[in-house]
Amino acid sequence: MAKKGNRVQVILECTEHKESGKPGTSRYITTKNKKNTPDRIELKKFNPILKKMTVHKEIK
């Protein structure tokens, strides 16, 4: 049975990292169900450069 095309891979990028002025960026790759969450997602993830939990938003 073939998989349906509802689940897509998305990239999450830290929102607080740009303001900190530190080099590098924090990005995570995850999947989401496009049928259940058509809008962009925001998750709290760990940023290893800032060494704290920050909000990561979905980017294109």
N, C-alpha and C. Protein backbone atom coordinates (compact mmCIF):
# COMPACT_ATOMS: atom_id res chain seq x y z
N MET A 1 0.84 -1.18 0.00
CA MET A 1 0.00 0.00 0.00
C MET A 1 0.89 1.24 0.00
N ALA A 2 0.63 2.16 -0.88
CA ALA A 2 1.46 3.36 -1.02
C ALA A 2 1.12 4.38 0.06
N LYS A 3 2.12 5.20 0.43
CA LYS A 3 1.89 6.26 1.41
C LYS A 3 1.15 7.42 0.77
N LYS A 4 0.32 8.07 1.56
CA LYS A 4 -0.40 9.26 1.09
C LYS A 4 0.53 10.46 1.22
N GLY A 5 0.22 11.54 0.53
CA GLY A 5 1.11 12.70 0.50
C GLY A 5 0.80 13.77 1.53
N ASN A 6 0.21 13.43 2.68
CA ASN A 6 -0.14 14.44 3.68
C ASN A 6 1.03 14.83 4.57
N ARG A 7 1.97 13.91 4.80
CA ARG A 7 3.08 14.18 5.71
C ARG A 7 4.25 14.76 4.92
N VAL A 8 4.71 15.96 5.34
CA VAL A 8 5.79 16.64 4.64
C VAL A 8 6.92 16.97 5.62
N GLN A 9 8.12 17.09 5.09
CA GLN A 9 9.29 17.44 5.89
C GLN A 9 9.40 18.96 5.98
N VAL A 10 9.63 19.50 7.18
CA VAL A 10 9.76 20.94 7.38
C VAL A 10 11.04 21.25 8.15
N ILE A 11 11.54 22.48 7.99
CA ILE A 11 12.74 22.93 8.70
C ILE A 11 12.32 23.96 9.74
N LEU A 12 12.79 23.78 10.97
CA LEU A 12 12.51 24.73 12.05
C LEU A 12 13.78 25.51 12.34
N GLU A 13 13.67 26.85 12.42
CA GLU A 13 14.82 27.70 12.68
C GLU A 13 14.56 28.55 13.92
N CYS A 14 15.60 28.77 14.72
CA CYS A 14 15.50 29.53 15.96
C CYS A 14 15.18 30.99 15.67
N THR A 15 14.27 31.57 16.46
CA THR A 15 13.89 32.97 16.27
C THR A 15 14.76 33.92 17.10
N GLU A 16 15.32 33.45 18.21
CA GLU A 16 16.09 34.32 19.10
C GLU A 16 17.56 34.40 18.73
N HIS A 17 18.02 33.53 17.84
CA HIS A 17 19.45 33.45 17.54
C HIS A 17 19.96 34.66 16.78
N LYS A 18 19.15 35.22 15.86
CA LYS A 18 19.59 36.36 15.06
C LYS A 18 19.86 37.58 15.92
N GLU A 19 19.04 37.79 16.95
CA GLU A 19 19.19 38.95 17.82
C GLU A 19 20.38 38.83 18.76
N SER A 20 20.85 37.61 19.01
CA SER A 20 21.94 37.42 19.98
C SER A 20 23.29 37.87 19.42
N GLY A 21 23.44 37.87 18.09
CA GLY A 21 24.71 38.29 17.49
C GLY A 21 25.77 37.22 17.43
N LYS A 22 25.48 36.02 17.92
CA LYS A 22 26.45 34.92 17.88
C LYS A 22 26.45 34.28 16.50
N PRO A 23 27.60 33.76 16.06
CA PRO A 23 27.66 33.13 14.74
C PRO A 23 26.94 31.78 14.73
N GLY A 24 26.54 31.36 13.53
CA GLY A 24 25.87 30.07 13.38
C GLY A 24 24.36 30.20 13.46
N THR A 25 23.68 29.06 13.37
CA THR A 25 22.23 29.04 13.47
C THR A 25 21.78 27.68 14.01
N SER A 26 20.60 27.65 14.60
CA SER A 26 20.04 26.41 15.14
C SER A 26 18.86 26.01 14.28
N ARG A 27 18.96 24.86 13.61
CA ARG A 27 17.89 24.36 12.75
C ARG A 27 17.60 22.90 13.06
N TYR A 28 16.34 22.55 13.00
CA TYR A 28 15.90 21.17 13.18
C TYR A 28 15.06 20.77 11.98
N ILE A 29 15.12 19.49 11.59
CA ILE A 29 14.27 18.96 10.53
C ILE A 29 13.27 18.01 11.18
N THR A 30 11.99 18.19 10.86
CA THR A 30 10.94 17.35 11.40
C THR A 30 9.87 17.15 10.33
N THR A 31 8.86 16.37 10.65
CA THR A 31 7.75 16.17 9.71
C THR A 31 6.46 16.65 10.36
N LYS A 32 5.51 17.06 9.52
CA LYS A 32 4.20 17.44 10.02
C LYS A 32 3.14 16.94 9.06
N ASN A 33 1.94 16.77 9.57
CA ASN A 33 0.81 16.36 8.75
C ASN A 33 0.14 17.61 8.20
N LYS A 34 0.21 17.80 6.89
CA LYS A 34 -0.31 19.01 6.25
C LYS A 34 -1.83 19.11 6.38
N LYS A 35 -2.50 17.98 6.50
CA LYS A 35 -3.95 17.98 6.62
C LYS A 35 -4.39 18.51 8.00
N ASN A 36 -3.68 18.12 9.07
CA ASN A 36 -4.04 18.54 10.42
C ASN A 36 -3.52 19.94 10.76
N THR A 37 -2.33 20.30 10.25
CA THR A 37 -1.72 21.60 10.55
C THR A 37 -1.31 22.29 9.26
N PRO A 38 -2.25 22.96 8.59
CA PRO A 38 -1.91 23.63 7.33
C PRO A 38 -1.06 24.89 7.52
N ASP A 39 -1.16 25.52 8.70
CA ASP A 39 -0.37 26.72 8.96
C ASP A 39 1.03 26.35 9.46
N ARG A 40 1.91 27.34 9.58
CA ARG A 40 3.28 27.09 10.02
C ARG A 40 3.32 26.78 11.51
N ILE A 41 4.22 25.86 11.89
CA ILE A 41 4.27 25.43 13.29
C ILE A 41 5.38 26.15 14.03
N GLU A 42 5.21 26.25 15.35
CA GLU A 42 6.21 26.81 16.27
C GLU A 42 6.39 25.81 17.40
N LEU A 43 7.65 25.43 17.65
CA LEU A 43 7.95 24.49 18.73
C LEU A 43 9.08 25.03 19.58
N LYS A 44 9.07 24.70 20.87
CA LYS A 44 10.20 25.04 21.73
C LYS A 44 11.21 23.91 21.62
N LYS A 45 12.42 24.25 21.16
CA LYS A 45 13.49 23.27 21.01
C LYS A 45 14.74 23.82 21.67
N PHE A 46 15.72 22.94 21.94
CA PHE A 46 16.96 23.35 22.57
C PHE A 46 17.91 23.95 21.53
N ASN A 47 18.45 25.13 21.82
CA ASN A 47 19.45 25.77 20.97
C ASN A 47 20.81 25.54 21.62
N PRO A 48 21.67 24.70 21.01
CA PRO A 48 22.95 24.37 21.64
C PRO A 48 23.94 25.54 21.68
N ILE A 49 23.78 26.54 20.81
CA ILE A 49 24.70 27.68 20.80
C ILE A 49 24.35 28.63 21.94
N LEU A 50 23.05 28.90 22.13
CA LEU A 50 22.61 29.76 23.24
C LEU A 50 22.49 28.98 24.55
N LYS A 51 22.51 27.65 24.46
CA LYS A 51 22.42 26.74 25.61
C LYS A 51 21.13 26.95 26.41
N LYS A 52 20.00 27.09 25.70
CA LYS A 52 18.70 27.20 26.37
C LYS A 52 17.59 26.83 25.39
N MET A 53 16.39 26.63 25.94
CA MET A 53 15.22 26.33 25.12
C MET A 53 14.72 27.62 24.48
N THR A 54 14.49 27.59 23.16
CA THR A 54 13.99 28.76 22.45
C THR A 54 12.89 28.33 21.50
N VAL A 55 12.14 29.32 21.00
CA VAL A 55 11.08 29.05 20.05
C VAL A 55 11.68 28.90 18.65
N HIS A 56 11.33 27.83 17.97
CA HIS A 56 11.78 27.58 16.60
C HIS A 56 10.54 27.62 15.70
N LYS A 57 10.62 28.41 14.61
CA LYS A 57 9.51 28.54 13.68
C LYS A 57 9.83 27.83 12.37
N GLU A 58 8.78 27.40 11.70
CA GLU A 58 8.93 26.74 10.40
C GLU A 58 9.34 27.77 9.35
N ILE A 59 10.33 27.41 8.52
CA ILE A 59 10.75 28.27 7.42
C ILE A 59 10.46 27.57 6.11
N LYS A 60 10.43 28.32 5.02
CA LYS A 60 10.21 27.73 3.69
C LYS A 60 11.48 27.12 3.18
